[in-house]
């Protein structure tokens, strides 16, 4: 007796359902993902008003020039080091740290020069600090 050989069926992996599931997962994650938007800090800078404050009889004024040189009450300092500025502030105020301190700086002055003046005043204990501005409506 002669038996016929059976043909072995080809093993075939059907990828269609797998691809459908992957696409469905992709769509699910795309729809459910929230995108964060980077926010920027919005700052509205204040402007000076036309009303002038009353002048105090005795005050200390630090003037900062465009190149970073300092003057205290109109007298220029020999250099722009913080130690020189502190020493001059001590001598002009005679140790009275309750005096009002006014910092007047050129608009093109570096921020570091103004911060150095504020730092020197803070190290000495000055608490009444103001920074002068010009009225926004004034023309040069």
Protein backbone atom coordinates (compact mmCIF):
# COMPACT_ATOMS: atom_id res chain seq x y z
CA UNK A 1 0.00 0.00 0.00
CA UNK A 2 1.21 3.28 -0.97
CA UNK A 3 0.49 6.19 1.32
CA UNK A 4 0.59 9.64 0.01
CA UNK A 5 2.48 12.13 1.90
CA UNK A 6 0.57 14.91 3.38
CA UNK A 7 1.70 18.35 2.50
CA UNK A 8 2.64 20.33 5.54
CA UNK A 9 0.78 23.59 5.67
CA UNK A 10 3.02 26.63 5.52
CA UNK A 11 3.41 28.38 8.80
CA UNK A 12 2.31 31.94 8.27
CA UNK A 13 2.20 34.72 10.83
CA UNK A 14 -0.53 37.17 10.10
CA UNK A 15 0.82 40.64 10.99
CA UNK A 16 -2.29 42.60 10.11
CA UNK A 17 -3.90 42.46 13.58
CA UNK A 18 -0.58 43.36 15.18
CA UNK A 19 -0.19 46.40 12.95
CA UNK A 20 -3.77 47.45 13.70
CA UNK A 21 -3.12 47.28 17.42
CA UNK A 22 0.10 49.31 17.11
CA UNK A 23 -1.68 52.01 15.12
CA UNK A 24 -4.50 52.14 17.65
CA UNK A 25 -1.97 52.53 20.48
CA UNK A 26 -0.16 55.25 18.56
CA UNK A 27 -3.41 57.16 18.00
CA UNK A 28 -4.37 56.71 21.66
CA UNK A 29 -1.07 58.12 22.94
CA UNK A 30 -1.12 60.99 20.46
CA UNK A 31 -4.61 62.03 21.52
CA UNK A 32 -4.08 61.59 25.25
CA UNK A 33 -0.73 63.41 25.40
CA UNK A 34 -0.79 66.97 26.68
CA UNK A 35 1.79 69.30 25.30
CA UNK A 36 3.25 71.83 27.71
CA UNK A 37 3.80 75.29 26.40
CA UNK A 38 6.87 77.12 27.68
CA UNK A 39 5.73 80.26 29.36
CA UNK A 40 7.69 83.46 29.56
CA UNK A 41 7.68 85.84 32.45
CA UNK A 42 5.64 88.90 31.57
CA UNK A 43 6.84 92.00 33.36
CA UNK A 44 5.28 95.44 33.23
CA UNK A 45 7.96 97.90 34.26
CA UNK A 46 6.84 100.93 36.27
CA UNK A 47 7.29 104.45 35.01
CA UNK A 48 8.18 107.46 37.09
CA UNK A 49 5.43 109.93 37.78
CA UNK A 50 5.75 113.67 37.28
CA UNK A 51 5.32 114.27 41.00
CA UNK A 52 8.63 114.96 42.68
CA UNK A 53 9.30 113.82 46.19
CA UNK A 54 10.16 116.44 48.73
CA UNK A 55 13.86 116.99 49.12
CA UNK A 56 15.50 116.10 52.37
CA UNK A 57 17.98 118.61 53.72
CA UNK A 58 20.72 116.09 54.35
CA UNK A 59 21.15 113.13 52.06
CA UNK A 60 23.94 111.14 50.42
CA UNK A 61 23.92 110.94 46.64
CA UNK A 62 25.96 108.40 44.69
CA UNK A 63 26.36 109.28 41.03
CA UNK A 64 27.41 106.50 38.68
CA UNK A 65 28.90 107.65 35.37
CA UNK A 66 28.53 105.83 32.07
CA UNK A 67 31.98 104.24 32.40
CA UNK A 68 31.30 103.04 35.98
CA UNK A 69 33.08 105.82 37.88
CA UNK A 70 31.49 106.96 41.14
CA UNK A 71 30.98 110.36 42.72
CA UNK A 72 29.51 110.98 46.17
CA UNK A 73 27.72 114.29 46.67
CA UNK A 74 29.48 115.64 43.57
CA UNK A 75 33.00 114.62 44.60
CA UNK A 76 34.56 112.06 42.25
CA UNK A 77 36.26 109.00 43.74
CA UNK A 78 39.80 108.02 42.76
CA UNK A 79 38.75 104.55 41.55
CA UNK A 80 35.64 102.43 41.22
CA UNK A 81 36.50 99.70 43.75
CA UNK A 82 33.88 98.82 46.35
CA UNK A 83 36.32 99.43 49.21
CA UNK A 84 36.87 103.02 48.08
CA UNK A 85 33.13 103.53 47.73
CA UNK A 86 32.48 102.15 51.24
CA UNK A 87 35.16 104.35 52.78
CA UNK A 88 33.80 107.46 51.05
CA UNK A 89 30.24 106.64 52.12
CA UNK A 90 31.36 106.24 55.73
CA UNK A 91 33.20 109.56 55.73
CA UNK A 92 30.41 111.54 54.02
CA UNK A 93 27.65 110.12 56.21
CA UNK A 94 29.80 110.31 59.37
CA UNK A 95 28.51 106.85 60.29
CA UNK A 96 24.84 107.91 60.20
CA UNK A 97 23.18 105.11 58.23
CA UNK A 98 19.70 106.58 58.73
CA UNK A 99 20.40 109.25 56.11
CA UNK A 100 18.55 108.81 52.81
CA UNK A 101 20.79 107.42 50.07
CA UNK A 102 20.07 108.33 46.45
CA UNK A 103 21.69 106.50 43.54
CA UNK A 104 21.73 108.38 40.26
CA UNK A 105 23.08 106.44 37.29
CA UNK A 106 23.48 107.14 33.61
CA UNK A 107 21.06 105.18 31.44
CA UNK A 108 24.00 103.46 29.70
CA UNK A 109 25.70 102.47 32.96
CA UNK A 110 26.28 98.77 33.44
CA UNK A 111 23.97 97.05 35.87
CA UNK A 112 26.98 95.79 37.83
CA UNK A 113 28.09 99.31 38.70
CA UNK A 114 24.68 100.13 40.20
CA UNK A 115 24.57 96.81 42.08
CA UNK A 116 28.05 97.51 43.47
CA UNK A 117 26.86 100.87 44.80
CA UNK A 118 23.81 99.21 46.37
CA UNK A 119 26.01 96.48 47.85
CA UNK A 120 28.38 99.00 49.43
CA UNK A 121 25.43 100.86 50.94
CA UNK A 122 23.92 97.63 52.21
CA UNK A 123 27.18 96.52 53.81
CA UNK A 124 27.30 99.79 55.74
CA UNK A 125 23.69 99.44 56.89
CA UNK A 126 21.89 102.08 54.82
CA UNK A 127 18.19 101.26 54.67
CA UNK A 128 16.61 104.33 53.03
CA UNK A 129 17.66 103.79 49.42
CA UNK A 130 16.13 105.37 46.36
CA UNK A 131 17.08 105.36 42.70
CA UNK A 132 16.44 108.46 40.61
CA UNK A 133 14.64 108.30 37.30
CA UNK A 134 13.47 110.84 34.80
CA UNK A 135 9.89 111.36 33.78
CA UNK A 136 8.99 109.25 30.74
CA UNK A 137 7.31 112.26 29.12
CA UNK A 138 10.45 114.43 29.24
CA UNK A 139 12.53 114.86 26.11
CA UNK A 140 16.33 114.84 26.15
